[in-house]
């Protein structure tokens, strides 16, 4: 575990960066907003991070009260990392960064990795109300917990229960939504996002 470095400035922004300002830390938080993850899963969904750096960041985050580590009961018997209540409070920080970073996103570069669930936070910001939403992209499926006060805000794969709404869209549409070049309600109206389901969220999207 590396000693915590500090800007030594009596400023809340500086103090926050003392904790989360290291490279990869906030992206680890992004992954853990999906709930408990194994080290191997985190490494697979953070292309470019070395095993040493990932292990070091996870230890630092546990020390700073952002994450905890626990062992799953048999037959899993693997260790998982998960956010603490303090760590989950970084959700609006990541959403604000994502909103600010839209202007920097541009078109996807040939070297850019992509995972379906990386579109979860931009889509979550576009949805109002409460409920479970399943999203199907060319790259894969994920689900969102809209308005969830605690616990995971998204997860990989199909929804674990009957969702309030199902969204189907292609990669180009999803990237346009992530860049802010297209609003979700306009994409639904134009037929670029297919909405199914009879829940309140599905009805709101179809009527918007």
Foldseek 3Di string as FASTA:
>chain_A
DDDQDFPPDPDPVRVVCSQQVDPPRVVLLVVQLQPWDALVVSPVVDPPDDSVRSVVSLVSCVVVQQKDWDADDPPRRGIIIHGDPVNVVCLVVVLVVLVVCLQVPPDDDPPDDDAPCVLVSLVLVQFDDFWKEWEQEPRAIKIATRPDPDGRGIHGHGDPDDTQKYKYAYPVVSNCSSSVVDHQLVCVVVVRIDMDHDHPRSVVSNVD
